[in-house]
Structure formats: structure tokens, C-alpha cells
Amino acid sequence: MSRMIVTTTPTIEGRKITAYHGIVTGEAILGANIFRDLFAGIRDIVGGRSAAYEEELSKARRTALEEMEERAAALGADAIVAVDLDYEVINNMLMVSASGTAVKLG
């Protein structure tokens, strides 16, 4: 299976969108324990940045994007355009959500 094209732009240069399959989303939530665990390892912070926290955010972002791609593939799409990533704090949990439009390319 070829890799799905995922882009924040509304079009893909050199490719024609032949069908729109609708909006697809993916979400990942970091639980409250992640913050306690990260602050327990505060020594990991260098120059105001926490490598452990950044790694967890990166993992959550990858999970949200992969979930969105799976949903688009299930609709028969081979690309997702106009992708937006959002980060929200809900009841001491961090949610990463990805959304975009699943499309078929010609």
C-alpha cells in the first residue's frame, strides 16, 4: 500500500482531486498521570524544554494523524487535504486532534 498524502494545503500541486469523501478526524488523549510522571522526571528539562514531554506530545500527534489516515483509507481516499492539528486541555488531560478532508486523487 502506498503512503497516503497528508497536507495542510487545500490542494496537492500537480494532482487533481477527483472525489471528496468528507471530513475525517483522529484523536489522542494524554492522561493526567503523564503530567505527574513528567514532573517527577523534572531533571530531564534542559534550557526550558522537556524531552520527555515533547516525546509524549509527538507520540500523541502521530497517533491522531495515523487514526485520521486509517479512517480516510476506509472511505477509499488516497490523500487528506486541509489538515488541522489542535491541542486542548480537558479536565487536566491533553487532547491532540487532527482533522482534514479525505479525497481521491486522479
C-alpha atoms as a PDB file:
ATOM      1  CA  MET A   1       0.000   0.000   0.000  1.00  0.00           C
ATOM      2  CA  SER A   2       1.390   3.409  -0.922  1.00  0.00           C
ATOM      3  CA  ARG A   3       1.734   6.103   1.706  1.00  0.00           C
ATOM      4  CA  MET A   4      -1.234   8.435   1.953  1.00  0.00           C
ATOM      5  CA  ILE A   5      -0.533  12.086   1.157  1.00  0.00           C
ATOM      6  CA  VAL A   6      -1.417  14.261   4.158  1.00  0.00           C
ATOM      7  CA  THR A   7      -1.115  18.030   3.772  1.00  0.00           C
ATOM      8  CA  THR A   8      -2.274  21.248   5.398  1.00  0.00           C
ATOM      9  CA  THR A   9      -2.866  22.799   1.976  1.00  0.00           C
ATOM     10  CA  PRO A  10      -6.291  22.626   0.265  1.00  0.00           C
ATOM     11  CA  THR A  11      -4.808  21.171  -2.940  1.00  0.00           C
ATOM     12  CA  ILE A  12      -1.889  18.973  -3.959  1.00  0.00           C
ATOM     13  CA  GLU A  13       0.349  20.501  -6.576  1.00  0.00           C
ATOM     14  CA  GLY A  14       0.350  18.535  -9.809  1.00  0.00           C
ATOM     15  CA  ARG A  15      -2.521  16.271  -8.714  1.00  0.00           C
ATOM     16  CA  LYS A  16      -6.237  16.601  -9.382  1.00  0.00           C
ATOM     17  CA  ILE A  17      -8.804  15.847  -6.694  1.00  0.00           C
ATOM     18  CA  THR A  18     -11.448  13.649  -8.329  1.00  0.00           C
ATOM     19  CA  ALA A  19     -13.672  12.920  -5.321  1.00  0.00           C
ATOM     20  CA  TYR A  20     -14.297  14.259  -1.829  1.00  0.00           C
ATOM     21  CA  HIS A  21     -15.080  11.666   0.837  1.00  0.00           C
ATOM     22  CA  GLY A  22     -15.782  14.041   3.723  1.00  0.00           C
ATOM     23  CA  ILE A  23     -14.137  15.166   6.908  1.00  0.00           C
ATOM     24  CA  VAL A  24     -12.019  12.672   8.823  1.00  0.00           C
ATOM     25  CA  THR A  25     -10.643  13.028  12.338  1.00  0.00           C
ATOM     26  CA  GLY A  26      -8.246  11.381  14.730  1.00  0.00           C
ATOM     27  CA  GLU A  27      -7.751  11.989  18.434  1.00  0.00           C
ATOM     28  CA  ALA A  28      -5.294  11.080  21.160  1.00  0.00           C
ATOM     29  CA  ILE A  29      -5.545  11.965  24.833  1.00  0.00           C
ATOM     30  CA  LEU A  30      -2.678  12.197  27.292  1.00  0.00           C
ATOM     31  CA  GLY A  31      -3.993  11.326  30.748  1.00  0.00           C
ATOM     32  CA  ALA A  32      -3.405  13.283  33.929  1.00  0.00           C
ATOM     33  CA  ASN A  33      -0.755  10.786  35.084  1.00  0.00           C
ATOM     34  CA  ILE A  34       1.529  11.873  32.261  1.00  0.00           C
ATOM     35  CA  PHE A  35       1.956  15.263  33.923  1.00  0.00           C
ATOM     36  CA  ARG A  36       2.768  13.732  37.324  1.00  0.00           C
ATOM     37  CA  ASP A  37       5.244  11.333  35.725  1.00  0.00           C
ATOM     38  CA  LEU A  38       6.875  14.070  33.700  1.00  0.00           C
ATOM     39  CA  PHE A  39       7.262  16.400  36.650  1.00  0.00           C
ATOM     40  CA  ALA A  40       8.772  13.535  38.648  1.00  0.00           C
ATOM     41  CA  GLY A  41      11.478  13.488  35.979  1.00  0.00           C
ATOM     42  CA  ILE A  42      11.986  17.256  36.013  1.00  0.00           C
ATOM     43  CA  ARG A  43      15.733  16.759  35.723  1.00  0.00           C
ATOM     44  CA  ASP A  44      15.022  15.968  32.064  1.00  0.00           C
ATOM     45  CA  ILE A  45      14.385  19.678  31.432  1.00  0.00           C
ATOM     46  CA  VAL A  46      17.248  21.415  29.649  1.00  0.00           C
ATOM     47  CA  GLY A  47      17.042  25.029  28.543  1.00  0.00           C
ATOM     48  CA  GLY A  48      13.347  25.242  29.451  1.00  0.00           C
ATOM     49  CA  ARG A  49      12.409  22.206  27.305  1.00  0.00           C
ATOM     50  CA  SER A  50      11.420  18.741  28.452  1.00  0.00           C
ATOM     51  CA  ALA A  51      12.460  15.983  26.073  1.00  0.00           C
ATOM     52  CA  ALA A  52      10.098  13.505  27.778  1.00  0.00           C
ATOM     53  CA  TYR A  53       7.115  15.857  27.455  1.00  0.00           C
ATOM     54  CA  GLU A  54       7.966  16.642  23.836  1.00  0.00           C
ATOM     55  CA  GLU A  55       8.213  12.914  23.084  1.00  0.00           C
ATOM     56  CA  GLU A  56       4.762  12.277  24.598  1.00  0.00           C
ATOM     57  CA  LEU A  57       3.268  15.135  22.570  1.00  0.00           C
ATOM     58  CA  SER A  58       4.930  13.794  19.444  1.00  0.00           C
ATOM     59  CA  LYS A  59       3.547  10.317  20.132  1.00  0.00           C
ATOM     60  CA  ALA A  60       0.031  11.734  20.655  1.00  0.00           C
ATOM     61  CA  ARG A  61       0.261  13.724  17.414  1.00  0.00           C
ATOM     62  CA  ARG A  62       1.406  10.641  15.472  1.00  0.00           C
ATOM     63  CA  THR A  63      -1.460   8.617  16.957  1.00  0.00           C
ATOM     64  CA  ALA A  64      -4.048  11.243  15.974  1.00  0.00           C
ATOM     65  CA  LEU A  65      -2.673  11.500  12.422  1.00  0.00           C
ATOM     66  CA  GLU A  66      -2.496   7.712  11.989  1.00  0.00           C
ATOM     67  CA  GLU A  67      -6.080   7.323  13.210  1.00  0.00           C
ATOM     68  CA  MET A  68      -7.221  10.010  10.760  1.00  0.00           C
ATOM     69  CA  GLU A  69      -5.367   8.264   7.891  1.00  0.00           C
ATOM     70  CA  GLU A  70      -6.981   4.914   8.760  1.00  0.00           C
ATOM     71  CA  ARG A  71     -10.428   6.492   8.651  1.00  0.00           C
ATOM     72  CA  ALA A  72      -9.675   8.145   5.301  1.00  0.00           C
ATOM     73  CA  ALA A  73      -8.397   4.871   3.824  1.00  0.00           C
ATOM     74  CA  ALA A  74     -11.582   3.117   4.977  1.00  0.00           C
ATOM     75  CA  LEU A  75     -13.521   5.667   2.897  1.00  0.00           C
ATOM     76  CA  GLY A  76     -11.429   4.895  -0.192  1.00  0.00           C
ATOM     77  CA  ALA A  77      -9.350   8.078  -0.029  1.00  0.00           C
ATOM     78  CA  ASP A  78      -5.698   8.243  -1.002  1.00  0.00           C
ATOM     79  CA  ALA A  79      -4.997  11.705   0.422  1.00  0.00           C
ATOM     80  CA  ILE A  80      -6.129  14.098   3.137  1.00  0.00           C
ATOM     81  CA  VAL A  81      -6.085  17.831   2.454  1.00  0.00           C
ATOM     82  CA  ALA A  82      -6.615  20.915   4.637  1.00  0.00           C
ATOM     83  CA  VAL A  83      -5.322  19.102   7.739  1.00  0.00           C
ATOM     84  CA  ASP A  84      -5.567  20.973  11.029  1.00  0.00           C
ATOM     85  CA  LEU A  85      -3.989  19.957  14.337  1.00  0.00           C
ATOM     86  CA  ASP A  86      -5.454  21.194  17.613  1.00  0.00           C
ATOM     87  CA  TYR A  87      -4.284  20.842  21.193  1.00  0.00           C
ATOM     88  CA  GLU A  88      -6.801  21.206  24.041  1.00  0.00           C
ATOM     89  CA  VAL A  89      -6.673  20.727  27.806  1.00  0.00           C
ATOM     90  CA  ILE A  90      -9.764  18.973  29.140  1.00  0.00           C
ATOM     91  CA  ASN A  91     -10.012  18.154  32.869  1.00  0.00           C
ATOM     92  CA  ASN A  92      -6.227  18.026  33.293  1.00  0.00           C
ATOM     93  CA  MET A  93      -5.810  15.846  30.215  1.00  0.00           C
ATOM     94  CA  LEU A  94      -4.242  16.964  26.957  1.00  0.00           C
ATOM     95  CA  MET A  95      -6.095  16.097  23.762  1.00  0.00           C
ATOM     96  CA  VAL A  96      -4.468  16.230  20.350  1.00  0.00           C
ATOM     97  CA  SER A  97      -6.948  16.179  17.479  1.00  0.00           C
ATOM     98  CA  ALA A  98      -6.343  16.070  13.743  1.00  0.00           C
ATOM     99  CA  SER A  99      -8.963  16.784  11.112  1.00  0.00           C
ATOM    100  CA  GLY A 100      -8.957  17.134   7.347  1.00  0.00           C
ATOM    101  CA  THR A 101     -10.832  16.298   4.163  1.00  0.00           C
ATOM    102  CA  ALA A 102     -10.414  12.801   2.723  1.00  0.00           C
ATOM    103  CA  VAL A 103     -10.029  12.896  -1.066  1.00  0.00           C
ATOM    104  CA  LYS A 104      -9.370  10.657  -4.046  1.00  0.00           C
ATOM    105  CA  LEU A 105      -6.657  11.815  -6.433  1.00  0.00           C
ATOM    106  CA  GLY A 106      -6.669  11.385 -10.204  1.00  0.00           C
END
